Amino acid sequence: MEVSAQAVMHATPVVEVVAAVIIQADGQFLLAQRPEGKVYAGYWEFPGGKVEPGESPMHALERELWEELAIQVRLAYPWITKVFEYPHATVRLNFFRVVAWEGMMIPRENQSLCWQLPQQVTVAPVLPANDPILRALSLPPVYAVTNASGIGIQPALDKIERALSQGVRLLQIREKQMAKAELKKFAGDVLSMAHRAQAKVLINGDLVLARELGADGVHLTASQLMALPSRLDPDDGLCGASCHNSEELVAAERLGLDFAVLGPVQPTLTHPGMPPLGWRRFAALIRGYSLPVYALGGLCSADLAIAQEFGAHGIAMMRGIGEPNESAFP
């Protein structure tokens, strides 16, 4: 049973564990099969192991990957933290994305290894605690946000088309100033373009319109998030939410949303009166958090690496999408 990473019962002993999402440039990640003699033998999982007393999670990650796979970590980012109750133990899984390493992988514990793609996992069974991680891995690193009300509908469509050609695969239609009929037409055009490129589109704040147009989900405003008693029907697709503080992050986690967007990190025209969080405050707010989080506010694709360094899943951006020199994968 999965529980909130920030709301573990103090009476329950928690085993600290690190888990490595080792990712190749083509998006494939590594799964390892637990060998005979271990609990859940035969199940597939992300490599890792227990954090020793007095050891930091990063040091534990480096040690475990050397002991299990004979590789040395060169670049790893903190990512998601999940608390899971197995019948034999409660574990807090500190997931890291490992994007650079040295050495030839050797399965030193007689475990089988297999490279997989997020939406094409072919091995089974996978440890239950890893199911939400597989879903999170399917989320692209860049979340584009439309701005047709600011630049005009046709220029916005042109930018979206360029963004799709540059690799953007997740968009949010956020047009709060647009008239209903105009919004419906614009959203329909965006959906047609996006689906041709196998990209997903979420509608900001309007579940009825999202259902009517066959969108891929809905993006909740912060006020909608705080008023929602339970998560929307999973049949409505992806559900993300805008967050600006710890209370809103807790609400998104409690509802079990697919992701959160946190900002503004930098000064932004969208929220001119709101002081920016800065990267250190951003990192502090999402430390130990159980959902993927996109950083938002004054960012462009060149900021993706620093966002991930501070624990973000990726970046959300509005004005940078579809620019001639932009790319979803810097």
C-alpha atoms as a PDB file:
ATOM      1  CA  MET A   1       0.000   0.000   0.000  1.00  0.00           C
ATOM      2  CA  GLU A   2       1.354   3.400  -1.002  1.00  0.00           C
ATOM      3  CA  VAL A   3       1.161   6.201   1.571  1.00  0.00           C
ATOM      4  CA  SER A   4       2.149   9.850   1.542  1.00  0.00           C
ATOM      5  CA  ALA A   5       5.884  10.389   1.683  1.00  0.00           C
ATOM      6  CA  GLN A   6       5.309  13.368   3.974  1.00  0.00           C
ATOM      7  CA  ALA A   7       2.783  11.739   6.300  1.00  0.00           C
ATOM      8  CA  VAL A   8       4.321   8.509   7.563  1.00  0.00           C
ATOM      9  CA  MET A   9       2.991   7.241  10.896  1.00  0.00           C
ATOM     10  CA  HIS A  10       5.699   7.768  13.497  1.00  0.00           C
ATOM     11  CA  ALA A  11       4.804   4.496  15.239  1.00  0.00           C
ATOM     12  CA  THR A  12       5.809   2.516  12.141  1.00  0.00           C
ATOM     13  CA  PRO A  13       9.548   1.871  11.705  1.00  0.00           C
ATOM     14  CA  VAL A  14      10.565   3.062   8.257  1.00  0.00           C
ATOM     15  CA  VAL A  15      13.419   1.541   6.295  1.00  0.00           C
ATOM     16  CA  GLU A  16      15.265   4.152   4.231  1.00  0.00           C
ATOM     17  CA  VAL A  17      16.030   2.890   0.734  1.00  0.00           C
ATOM     18  CA  VAL A  18      17.591   4.407  -2.371  1.00  0.00           C
ATOM     19  CA  ALA A  19      16.474   3.424  -5.864  1.00  0.00           C
ATOM     20  CA  ALA A  20      18.206   4.306  -9.120  1.00  0.00           C
ATOM     21  CA  VAL A  21      16.332   5.161 -12.296  1.00  0.00           C
ATOM     22  CA  ILE A  22      19.265   4.694 -14.657  1.00  0.00           C
ATOM     23  CA  ILE A  23      18.336   6.410 -17.910  1.00  0.00           C
ATOM     24  CA  GLN A  24      19.985   6.162 -21.323  1.00  0.00           C
ATOM     25  CA  ALA A  25      19.935   8.973 -23.871  1.00  0.00           C
ATOM     26  CA  ASP A  26      17.155   7.228 -25.823  1.00  0.00           C
ATOM     27  CA  GLY A  27      14.868   7.224 -22.758  1.00  0.00           C
ATOM     28  CA  GLN A  28      15.307   3.569 -21.835  1.00  0.00           C
ATOM     29  CA  PHE A  29      15.746   2.800 -18.138  1.00  0.00           C
ATOM     30  CA  LEU A  30      17.146  -0.207 -16.311  1.00  0.00           C
ATOM     31  CA  LEU A  31      15.168  -2.755 -14.307  1.00  0.00           C
ATOM     32  CA  ALA A  32      16.730  -5.600 -12.328  1.00  0.00           C
ATOM     33  CA  GLN A  33      15.132  -8.898 -11.331  1.00  0.00           C
ATOM     34  CA  ARG A  34      15.463  -9.901  -7.694  1.00  0.00           C
ATOM     35  CA  PRO A  35      17.457 -13.161  -7.445  1.00  0.00           C
ATOM     36  CA  GLU A  36      16.496 -16.342  -5.656  1.00  0.00           C
ATOM     37  CA  GLY A  37      16.813 -16.151  -1.891  1.00  0.00           C
ATOM     38  CA  LYS A  38      15.566 -12.569  -1.566  1.00  0.00           C
ATOM     39  CA  VAL A  39      12.108 -11.399  -0.557  1.00  0.00           C
ATOM     40  CA  TYR A  40       9.976 -11.061  -3.722  1.00  0.00           C
ATOM     41  CA  ALA A  41      12.432 -13.162  -5.726  1.00  0.00           C
ATOM     42  CA  GLY A  42      11.651 -12.939  -9.437  1.00  0.00           C
ATOM     43  CA  TYR A  43      10.089  -9.463  -9.219  1.00  0.00           C
ATOM     44  CA  TRP A  44      11.537  -6.606 -11.240  1.00  0.00           C
ATOM     45  CA  GLU A  45      12.631  -3.366  -9.586  1.00  0.00           C
ATOM     46  CA  PHE A  46      14.891  -0.366  -9.902  1.00  0.00           C
ATOM     47  CA  PRO A  47      18.415  -1.117  -8.614  1.00  0.00           C
ATOM     48  CA  GLY A  48      19.255   0.135  -5.130  1.00  0.00           C
ATOM     49  CA  GLY A  49      19.177  -0.845  -1.499  1.00  0.00           C
ATOM     50  CA  LYS A  50      19.091   0.223   2.128  1.00  0.00           C
ATOM     51  CA  VAL A  51      20.702   3.397   3.427  1.00  0.00           C
ATOM     52  CA  GLU A  52      23.235   2.493   6.116  1.00  0.00           C
ATOM     53  CA  PRO A  53      23.286   4.379   9.477  1.00  0.00           C
ATOM     54  CA  GLY A  54      25.095   7.695   9.108  1.00  0.00           C
ATOM     55  CA  GLU A  55      25.045   7.456   5.305  1.00  0.00           C
ATOM     56  CA  SER A  56      23.504  10.092   3.045  1.00  0.00           C
ATOM     57  CA  PRO A  57      21.087   8.890   0.350  1.00  0.00           C
ATOM     58  CA  MET A  58      23.494   9.973  -2.396  1.00  0.00           C
ATOM     59  CA  HIS A  59      26.370   8.047  -0.860  1.00  0.00           C
ATOM     60  CA  ALA A  60      24.092   5.034  -0.447  1.00  0.00           C
ATOM     61  CA  LEU A  61      23.144   5.278  -4.118  1.00  0.00           C
ATOM     62  CA  GLU A  62      26.778   5.381  -5.203  1.00  0.00           C
ATOM     63  CA  ARG A  63      27.698   2.443  -2.958  1.00  0.00           C
ATOM     64  CA  GLU A  64      24.732   0.285  -3.976  1.00  0.00           C
ATOM     65  CA  LEU A  65      25.296   0.764  -7.707  1.00  0.00           C
ATOM     66  CA  TRP A  66      28.956  -0.122  -7.317  1.00  0.00           C
ATOM     67  CA  GLU A  67      28.128  -3.206  -5.264  1.00  0.00           C
ATOM     68  CA  GLU A  68      25.273  -4.372  -7.513  1.00  0.00           C
ATOM     69  CA  LEU A  69      26.323  -3.259 -10.996  1.00  0.00           C
ATOM     70  CA  ALA A  70      30.039  -2.301 -10.832  1.00  0.00           C
ATOM     71  CA  ILE A  71      29.345   1.227 -12.092  1.00  0.00           C
ATOM     72  CA  GLN A  72      30.399   4.576 -10.671  1.00  0.00           C
ATOM     73  CA  VAL A  73      27.781   7.329 -10.606  1.00  0.00           C
ATOM     74  CA  ARG A  74      28.878  10.534 -12.310  1.00  0.00           C
ATOM     75  CA  LEU A  75      25.609  12.506 -12.393  1.00  0.00           C
ATOM     76  CA  ALA A  76      22.402  11.778 -10.486  1.00  0.00           C
ATOM     77  CA  TYR A  77      19.437  13.967  -9.581  1.00  0.00           C
ATOM     78  CA  PRO A  78      17.060  13.539  -6.628  1.00  0.00           C
ATOM     79  CA  TRP A  79      13.574  12.894  -7.939  1.00  0.00           C
ATOM     80  CA  ILE A  80      10.553  11.333  -6.202  1.00  0.00           C
ATOM     81  CA  THR A  81      10.167   9.904  -2.706  1.00  0.00           C
ATOM     82  CA  LYS A  82       7.578   7.172  -2.147  1.00  0.00           C
ATOM     83  CA  VAL A  83       6.594   5.487   1.128  1.00  0.00           C
ATOM     84  CA  PHE A  84       5.214   1.993   0.671  1.00  0.00           C
ATOM     85  CA  GLU A  85       3.886  -0.525   3.173  1.00  0.00           C
ATOM     86  CA  TYR A  86       4.817  -4.096   2.356  1.00  0.00           C
ATOM     87  CA  PRO A  87       3.594  -6.911   4.607  1.00  0.00           C
ATOM     88  CA  HIS A  88       7.118  -7.318   5.999  1.00  0.00           C
ATOM     89  CA  ALA A  89       8.224  -3.654   6.209  1.00  0.00           C
ATOM     90  CA  THR A  90       7.470  -0.006   5.521  1.00  0.00           C
ATOM     91  CA  VAL A  91      10.033   1.502   3.172  1.00  0.00           C
ATOM     92  CA  ARG A  92      10.774   5.060   2.121  1.00  0.00           C
ATOM     93  CA  LEU A  93      12.080   4.861  -1.433  1.00  0.00           C
ATOM     94  CA  ASN A  94      14.302   7.793  -2.379  1.00  0.00           C
ATOM     95  CA  PHE A  95      14.391   7.699  -6.170  1.00  0.00           C
ATOM     96  CA  PHE A  96      17.268   9.261  -8.093  1.00  0.00           C
ATOM     97  CA  ARG A  97      17.553   9.693 -11.827  1.00  0.00           C
ATOM     98  CA  VAL A  98      21.038   8.560 -12.842  1.00  0.00           C
ATOM     99  CA  VAL A  99      21.975  10.087 -16.187  1.00  0.00           C
ATOM    100  CA  ALA A 100      25.763   9.577 -16.300  1.00  0.00           C
ATOM    101  CA  TRP A 101      27.945   6.739 -15.032  1.00  0.00           C
ATOM    102  CA  GLU A 102      31.217   4.962 -15.758  1.00  0.00           C
ATOM    103  CA  GLY A 103      31.998   1.290 -16.098  1.00  0.00           C
ATOM    104  CA  MET A 104      30.512  -1.749 -17.784  1.00  0.00           C
ATOM    105  CA  MET A 105      27.438  -3.045 -15.969  1.00  0.00           C
ATOM    106  CA  ILE A 106      28.035  -6.401 -14.318  1.00  0.00           C
ATOM    107  CA  PRO A 107      25.173  -8.064 -12.384  1.00  0.00           C
ATOM    108  CA  ARG A 108      27.217  -8.854  -9.289  1.00  0.00           C
ATOM    109  CA  GLU A 109      24.268 -10.377  -7.367  1.00  0.00           C
ATOM    110  CA  ASN A 110      23.238 -12.817 -10.118  1.00  0.00           C
ATOM    111  CA  GLN A 111      20.278 -10.585 -10.982  1.00  0.00           C
ATOM    112  CA  SER A 112      18.896 -10.330 -14.512  1.00  0.00           C
ATOM    113  CA  LEU A 113      18.945  -6.872 -16.134  1.00  0.00           C
ATOM    114  CA  CYS A 114      16.637  -5.426 -18.772  1.00  0.00           C
ATOM    115  CA  TRP A 115      16.360  -2.019 -20.461  1.00  0.00           C
ATOM    116  CA  GLN A 116      12.771  -0.811 -20.829  1.00  0.00           C
ATOM    117  CA  LEU A 117      10.781   2.121 -22.220  1.00  0.00           C
ATOM    118  CA  PRO A 118       8.264   3.926 -19.946  1.00  0.00           C
ATOM    119  CA  GLN A 119       5.169   3.025 -21.955  1.00  0.00           C
ATOM    120  CA  GLN A 120       6.403  -0.358 -23.193  1.00  0.00           C
ATOM    121  CA  VAL A 121       7.381  -2.305 -20.078  1.00  0.00           C
ATOM    122  CA  THR A 122       7.607  -5.918 -21.176  1.00  0.00           C
ATOM    123  CA  VAL A 123       8.887  -7.624 -18.005  1.00  0.00           C
ATOM    124  CA  ALA A 124       6.687  -8.851 -15.164  1.00  0.00           C
ATOM    125  CA  PRO A 125       5.939  -8.875 -12.335  1.00  0.00           C
ATOM    126  CA  VAL A 126       7.192  -5.465 -11.199  1.00  0.00           C
ATOM    127  CA  LEU A 127       7.355  -4.668  -7.479  1.00  0.00           C
ATOM    128  CA  PRO A 128       4.114  -2.837  -6.534  1.00  0.00           C
ATOM    129  CA  ALA A 129       5.970   0.168  -5.113  1.00  0.00           C
ATOM    130  CA  ASN A 130       7.375   0.900  -8.565  1.00  0.00           C
ATOM    131  CA  ASP A 131       4.059   1.192 -10.449  1.00  0.00           C
ATOM    132  CA  PRO A 132       3.678   4.967  -9.837  1.00  0.00           C
ATOM    133  CA  ILE A 133       7.308   5.487 -10.843  1.00  0.00           C
ATOM    134  CA  LEU A 134       6.663   3.856 -14.194  1.00  0.00           C
ATOM    135  CA  ARG A 135       3.697   6.210 -14.706  1.00  0.00           C
ATOM    136  CA  ALA A 136       5.815   9.224 -13.754  1.00  0.00           C
ATOM    137  CA  LEU A 137       8.544   8.217 -16.208  1.00  0.00           C
ATOM    138  CA  SER A 138       6.015   8.550 -19.044  1.00  0.00           C
ATOM    139  CA  LEU A 139       5.690  12.283 -18.342  1.00  0.00           C
ATOM    140  CA  PRO A 140       7.867  14.353 -20.708  1.00  0.00           C
ATOM    141  CA  PRO A 141      10.511  16.723 -19.275  1.00  0.00           C
ATOM    142  CA  VAL A 142       8.893  19.832 -20.799  1.00  0.00           C
ATOM    143  CA  TYR A 143       5.307  20.966 -20.160  1.00  0.00           C
ATOM    144  CA  ALA A 144       4.332  23.701 -22.615  1.00  0.00           C
ATOM    145  CA  VAL A 145       1.666  26.282 -21.755  1.00  0.00           C
ATOM    146  CA  THR A 146      -0.229  28.242 -24.404  1.00  0.00           C
ATOM    147  CA  ASN A 147      -0.397  32.039 -24.542  1.00  0.00           C
ATOM    148  CA  ALA A 148      -2.714  32.822 -27.453  1.00  0.00           C
ATOM    149  CA  SER A 149      -4.444  35.587 -25.474  1.00  0.00           C
ATOM    150  CA  GLY A 150      -1.124  37.396 -25.258  1.00  0.00           C
ATOM    151  CA  ILE A 151       0.289  36.939 -28.750  1.00  0.00           C
ATOM    152  CA  GLY A 152      -2.726  36.115 -30.929  1.00  0.00           C
ATOM    153  CA  ILE A 153      -4.273  32.835 -32.017  1.00  0.00           C
ATOM    154  CA  GLN A 154      -2.415  32.262 -35.286  1.00  0.00           C
ATOM    155  CA  PRO A 155       1.033  33.152 -33.857  1.00  0.00           C
ATOM    156  CA  ALA A 156       0.262  30.832 -30.942  1.00  0.00           C
ATOM    157  CA  LEU A 157      -0.693  27.978 -33.267  1.00  0.00           C
ATOM    158  CA  ASP A 158       2.503  28.558 -35.259  1.00  0.00           C
ATOM    159  CA  LYS A 159       4.568  28.379 -32.055  1.00  0.00           C
ATOM    160  CA  ILE A 160       2.798  25.235 -30.915  1.00  0.00           C
ATOM    161  CA  GLU A 161       3.445  23.576 -34.280  1.00  0.00           C
ATOM    162  CA  ARG A 162       7.159  24.435 -34.004  1.00  0.00           C
ATOM    163  CA  ALA A 163       7.243  23.217 -30.402  1.00  0.00           C
ATOM    164  CA  LEU A 164       5.773  19.869 -31.425  1.00  0.00           C
ATOM    165  CA  SER A 165       8.367  19.549 -34.181  1.00  0.00           C
ATOM    166  CA  GLN A 166      11.054  20.299 -31.565  1.00  0.00           C
ATOM    167  CA  GLY A 167       9.924  17.429 -29.327  1.00  0.00           C
ATOM    168  CA  VAL A 168       7.314  18.881 -26.966  1.00  0.00           C
ATOM    169  CA  ARG A 169       4.856  16.130 -26.046  1.00  0.00           C
ATOM    170  CA  LEU A 170       2.760  17.660 -23.243  1.00  0.00           C
ATOM    171  CA  LEU A 171       0.793  20.900 -23.490  1.00  0.00           C
ATOM    172  CA  GLN A 172      -1.617  22.858 -21.332  1.00  0.00           C
ATOM    173  CA  ILE A 173      -4.218  25.114 -22.906  1.00  0.00           C
ATOM    174  CA  ARG A 174      -4.379  28.074 -20.520  1.00  0.00           C
ATOM    175  CA  GLU A 175      -6.442  30.890 -22.017  1.00  0.00           C
ATOM    176  CA  LYS A 176      -8.385  32.492 -19.175  1.00  0.00           C
ATOM    177  CA  GLN A 177      -9.194  35.654 -21.127  1.00  0.00           C
ATOM    178  CA  MET A 178     -10.518  33.909 -24.221  1.00  0.00           C
ATOM    179  CA  ALA A 179     -14.246  33.794 -25.000  1.00  0.00           C
ATOM    180  CA  LYS A 180     -15.842  30.356 -24.712  1.00  0.00           C
ATOM    181  CA  ALA A 181     -16.554  29.795 -28.400  1.00  0.00           C
ATOM    182  CA  GLU A 182     -13.112  31.043 -29.399  1.00  0.00           C
ATOM    183  CA  LEU A 183     -11.461  28.859 -26.766  1.00  0.00           C
ATOM    184  CA  LYS A 184     -13.308  25.783 -28.009  1.00  0.00           C
ATOM    185  CA  LYS A 185     -12.131  26.384 -31.580  1.00  0.00           C
ATOM    186  CA  PHE A 186      -8.553  27.109 -30.513  1.00  0.00           C
ATOM    187  CA  ALA A 187      -8.412  24.067 -28.217  1.00  0.00           C
ATOM    188  CA  GLY A 188      -9.781  21.833 -30.970  1.00  0.00           C
ATOM    189  CA  ASP A 189      -7.066  23.032 -33.364  1.00  0.00           C
ATOM    190  CA  VAL A 190      -4.339  22.453 -30.745  1.00  0.00           C
ATOM    191  CA  LEU A 191      -5.651  18.973 -29.997  1.00  0.00           C
ATOM    192  CA  SER A 192      -5.619  18.040 -33.680  1.00  0.00           C
ATOM    193  CA  MET A 193      -2.019  19.184 -34.099  1.00  0.00           C
ATOM    194  CA  ALA A 194      -0.867  17.600 -30.852  1.00  0.00           C
ATOM    195  CA  HIS A 195      -2.482  14.225 -31.447  1.00  0.00           C
ATOM    196  CA  ARG A 196      -0.919  14.020 -34.902  1.00  0.00           C
ATOM    197  CA  ALA A 197       2.430  14.376 -33.127  1.00  0.00           C
ATOM    198  CA  GLN A 198       1.402  11.857 -30.429  1.00  0.00           C
ATOM    199  CA  ALA A 199       1.470  14.619 -27.825  1.00  0.00           C
ATOM    200  CA  LYS A 200      -0.995  15.043 -24.958  1.00  0.00           C
ATOM    201  CA  VAL A 201      -3.066  18.138 -24.177  1.00  0.00           C
ATOM    202  CA  LEU A 202      -4.595  19.214 -20.859  1.00  0.00           C
ATOM    203  CA  ILE A 203      -7.245  21.916 -20.486  1.00  0.00           C
ATOM    204  CA  ASN A 204      -6.760  24.447 -17.699  1.00  0.00           C
ATOM    205  CA  GLY A 205      -9.593  24.531 -15.203  1.00  0.00           C
ATOM    206  CA  ASP A 206     -12.416  23.246 -17.418  1.00  0.00           C
ATOM    207  CA  LEU A 207     -13.204  19.546 -17.060  1.00  0.00           C
ATOM    208  CA  VAL A 208     -16.422  19.887 -19.067  1.00  0.00           C
ATOM    209  CA  LEU A 209     -14.565  21.289 -22.074  1.00  0.00           C
ATOM    210  CA  ALA A 210     -11.801  18.692 -21.684  1.00  0.00           C
ATOM    211  CA  ARG A 211     -14.384  15.907 -21.831  1.00  0.00           C
ATOM    212  CA  GLU A 212     -16.262  17.499 -24.725  1.00  0.00           C
ATOM    213  CA  LEU A 213     -13.151  17.844 -26.882  1.00  0.00           C
ATOM    214  CA  GLY A 214     -11.551  14.541 -25.913  1.00  0.00           C
ATOM    215  CA  ALA A 215      -8.543  16.168 -24.284  1.00  0.00           C
ATOM    216  CA  ASP A 216      -5.991  14.033 -22.482  1.00  0.00           C
ATOM    217  CA  GLY A 217      -6.736  15.506 -19.065  1.00  0.00           C
ATOM    218  CA  VAL A 218      -7.248  18.614 -17.014  1.00  0.00           C
ATOM    219  CA  HIS A 219      -4.966  21.020 -15.188  1.00  0.00           C
ATOM    220  CA  LEU A 220      -6.433  22.329 -11.945  1.00  0.00           C
ATOM    221  CA  THR A 221      -5.950  25.878 -10.732  1.00  0.00           C
ATOM    222  CA  ALA A 222      -4.726  26.270  -7.155  1.00  0.00           C
ATOM    223  CA  SER A 223      -8.203  27.306  -5.968  1.00  0.00           C
ATOM    224  CA  GLN A 224      -9.797  24.280  -7.656  1.00  0.00           C
ATOM    225  CA  LEU A 225      -7.171  22.047  -6.096  1.00  0.00           C
ATOM    226  CA  MET A 226      -7.848  23.299  -2.581  1.00  0.00           C
ATOM    227  CA  ALA A 227     -11.623  22.898  -2.990  1.00  0.00           C
ATOM    228  CA  LEU A 228     -11.549  19.390  -4.462  1.00  0.00           C
ATOM    229  CA  PRO A 229     -12.614  16.668  -1.969  1.00  0.00           C
ATOM    230  CA  SER A 230     -11.251  13.774  -4.031  1.00  0.00           C
ATOM    231  CA  ARG A 231      -9.415  13.090  -7.232  1.00  0.00           C
ATOM    232  CA  LEU A 232     -11.261  13.328 -10.520  1.00  0.00           C
ATOM    233  CA  ASP A 233     -12.301  10.155 -12.308  1.00  0.00           C
ATOM    234  CA  PRO A 234      -9.178   8.417 -13.697  1.00  0.00           C
ATOM    235  CA  ASP A 235     -11.078   8.007 -16.974  1.00  0.00           C
ATOM    236  CA  ASP A 236     -10.683  11.778 -17.418  1.00  0.00           C
ATOM    237  CA  GLY A 237      -6.976  11.229 -18.079  1.00  0.00           C
ATOM    238  CA  LEU A 238      -4.025  13.068 -16.628  1.00  0.00           C
ATOM    239  CA  CYS A 239      -4.628  15.466 -13.756  1.00  0.00           C
ATOM    240  CA  GLY A 240      -2.081  18.090 -12.734  1.00  0.00           C
ATOM    241  CA  ALA A 241      -2.363  21.185 -10.583  1.00  0.00           C
ATOM    242  CA  SER A 242      -0.764  24.572 -10.072  1.00  0.00           C
ATOM    243  CA  CYS A 243       0.897  24.980  -6.668  1.00  0.00           C
ATOM    244  CA  HIS A 244       2.655  27.898  -5.020  1.00  0.00           C
ATOM    245  CA  ASN A 245       3.275  26.716  -1.442  1.00  0.00           C
ATOM    246  CA  SER A 246       3.515  23.670   0.798  1.00  0.00           C
ATOM    247  CA  GLU A 247      -0.233  23.563   1.573  1.00  0.00           C
ATOM    248  CA  GLU A 248      -1.125  23.251  -2.101  1.00  0.00           C
ATOM    249  CA  LEU A 249       1.575  20.631  -2.641  1.00  0.00           C
ATOM    250  CA  VAL A 250       0.152  18.589   0.252  1.00  0.00           C
ATOM    251  CA  ALA A 251      -3.338  18.838  -1.295  1.00  0.00           C
ATOM    252  CA  ALA A 252      -2.073  17.583  -4.673  1.00  0.00           C
ATOM    253  CA  GLU A 253      -0.316  14.700  -2.943  1.00  0.00           C
ATOM    254  CA  ARG A 254      -3.386  13.833  -0.856  1.00  0.00           C
ATOM    255  CA  LEU A 255      -5.519  13.647  -3.999  1.00  0.00           C
ATOM    256  CA  GLY A 256      -2.976  11.448  -5.750  1.00  0.00           C
ATOM    257  CA  LEU A 257      -2.636  13.684  -8.810  1.00  0.00           C
ATOM    258  CA  ASP A 258      -0.316  12.747 -11.645  1.00  0.00           C
ATOM    259  CA  PHE A 259       1.940  15.766 -11.167  1.00  0.00           C
ATOM    260  CA  ALA A 260       2.196  19.253  -9.731  1.00  0.00           C
ATOM    261  CA  VAL A 261       3.551  22.504 -11.145  1.00  0.00           C
ATOM    262  CA  LEU A 262       5.333  24.724  -8.624  1.00  0.00           C
ATOM    263  CA  GLY A 263       6.256  28.369  -9.102  1.00  0.00           C
ATOM    264  CA  PRO A 264       7.032  30.981  -9.908  1.00  0.00           C
ATOM    265  CA  VAL A 265      10.700  30.084  -9.597  1.00  0.00           C
ATOM    266  CA  GLN A 266      11.876  33.210 -11.424  1.00  0.00           C
ATOM    267  CA  PRO A 267      10.113  36.556 -11.972  1.00  0.00           C
ATOM    268  CA  THR A 268       7.343  36.168 -14.546  1.00  0.00           C
ATOM    269  CA  LEU A 269       4.858  38.377 -16.373  1.00  0.00           C
ATOM    270  CA  THR A 270       2.059  35.900 -15.611  1.00  0.00           C
ATOM    271  CA  HIS A 271       2.305  36.548 -11.841  1.00  0.00           C
ATOM    272  CA  PRO A 272       3.862  40.036 -11.610  1.00  0.00           C
ATOM    273  CA  GLY A 273       2.921  40.591  -7.960  1.00  0.00           C
ATOM    274  CA  MET A 274       4.126  37.232  -6.671  1.00  0.00           C
ATOM    275  CA  PRO A 275       7.690  37.045  -5.284  1.00  0.00           C
ATOM    276  CA  PRO A 276       9.693  34.283  -6.981  1.00  0.00           C
ATOM    277  CA  LEU A 277      10.648  31.204  -4.970  1.00  0.00           C
ATOM    278  CA  GLY A 278      14.196  30.871  -6.265  1.00  0.00           C
ATOM    279  CA  TRP A 279      15.793  27.470  -6.768  1.00  0.00           C
ATOM    280  CA  ARG A 280      16.728  26.794  -3.143  1.00  0.00           C
ATOM    281  CA  ARG A 281      13.212  27.435  -1.856  1.00  0.00           C
ATOM    282  CA  PHE A 282      11.819  25.374  -4.718  1.00  0.00           C
ATOM    283  CA  ALA A 283      14.092  22.454  -3.766  1.00  0.00           C
ATOM    284  CA  ALA A 284      13.165  22.738  -0.082  1.00  0.00           C
ATOM    285  CA  LEU A 285       9.439  22.618  -0.854  1.00  0.00           C
ATOM    286  CA  ILE A 286       9.662  19.431  -2.925  1.00  0.00           C
ATOM    287  CA  ARG A 287      12.258  17.579  -0.841  1.00  0.00           C
ATOM    288  CA  GLY A 288      10.785  14.186   0.044  1.00  0.00           C
ATOM    289  CA  TYR A 289       7.744  14.811  -2.179  1.00  0.00           C
ATOM    290  CA  SER A 290       5.908  11.904  -3.798  1.00  0.00           C
ATOM    291  CA  LEU A 291       4.684  13.462  -7.064  1.00  0.00           C
ATOM    292  CA  PRO A 292       6.625  14.595 -10.125  1.00  0.00           C
ATOM    293  CA  VAL A 293       6.940  18.401 -10.027  1.00  0.00           C
ATOM    294  CA  TYR A 294       7.469  20.783 -12.923  1.00  0.00           C
ATOM    295  CA  ALA A 295       9.240  24.057 -12.168  1.00  0.00           C
ATOM    296  CA  LEU A 296       7.430  27.099 -13.605  1.00  0.00           C
ATOM    297  CA  GLY A 297       8.122  30.792 -13.944  1.00  0.00           C
ATOM    298  CA  GLY A 298      10.499  32.662 -16.248  1.00  0.00           C
ATOM    299  CA  LEU A 299      12.096  29.461 -17.571  1.00  0.00           C
ATOM    300  CA  CYS A 300      13.246  28.215 -20.961  1.00  0.00           C
ATOM    301  CA  SER A 301      14.503  24.825 -22.118  1.00  0.00           C
ATOM    302  CA  ALA A 302      18.078  25.757 -21.162  1.00  0.00           C
ATOM    303  CA  ASP A 303      16.907  25.718 -17.520  1.00  0.00           C
ATOM    304  CA  LEU A 304      15.920  22.036 -17.633  1.00  0.00           C
ATOM    305  CA  ALA A 305      19.242  20.736 -16.282  1.00  0.00           C
ATOM    306  CA  ILE A 306      19.291  23.081 -13.289  1.00  0.00           C
ATOM    307  CA  ALA A 307      15.627  22.325 -12.557  1.00  0.00           C
ATOM    308  CA  GLN A 308      16.363  18.603 -12.440  1.00  0.00           C
ATOM    309  CA  GLU A 309      19.434  19.218 -10.316  1.00  0.00           C
ATOM    310  CA  PHE A 310      17.122  20.772  -7.715  1.00  0.00           C
ATOM    311  CA  GLY A 311      14.723  17.821  -7.823  1.00  0.00           C
ATOM    312  CA  ALA A 312      12.199  18.857 -10.493  1.00  0.00           C
ATOM    313  CA  HIS A 313      10.800  16.349 -12.939  1.00  0.00           C
ATOM    314  CA  GLY A 314      11.102  19.019 -15.614  1.00  0.00           C
ATOM    315  CA  ILE A 315      10.056  22.541 -16.521  1.00  0.00           C
ATOM    316  CA  ALA A 316       6.811  24.190 -17.548  1.00  0.00           C
ATOM    317  CA  MET A 317       7.118  27.200 -19.810  1.00  0.00           C
ATOM    318  CA  MET A 318       4.908  29.568 -21.728  1.00  0.00           C
ATOM    319  CA  ARG A 319       6.832  32.227 -23.640  1.00  0.00           C
ATOM    320  CA  GLY A 320       9.777  30.032 -24.573  1.00  0.00           C
ATOM    321  CA  ILE A 321       7.860  27.359 -26.473  1.00  0.00           C
ATOM    322  CA  GLY A 322       8.362  27.097 -30.200  1.00  0.00           C
ATOM    323  CA  GLU A 323      11.145  29.666 -30.412  1.00  0.00           C
ATOM    324  CA  PRO A 324      13.533  29.097 -33.340  1.00  0.00           C
ATOM    325  CA  ASN A 325      16.464  28.073 -31.129  1.00  0.00           C
ATOM    326  CA  GLU A 326      14.457  26.221 -28.501  1.00  0.00           C
ATOM    327  CA  SER A 327      14.265  22.487 -28.057  1.00  0.00           C
ATOM    328  CA  ALA A 328      12.408  20.295 -25.615  1.00  0.00           C
ATOM    329  CA  PHE A 329      15.645  18.392 -25.039  1.00  0.00           C
ATOM    330  CA  PRO A 330      18.612  20.791 -24.618  1.00  0.00           C
END
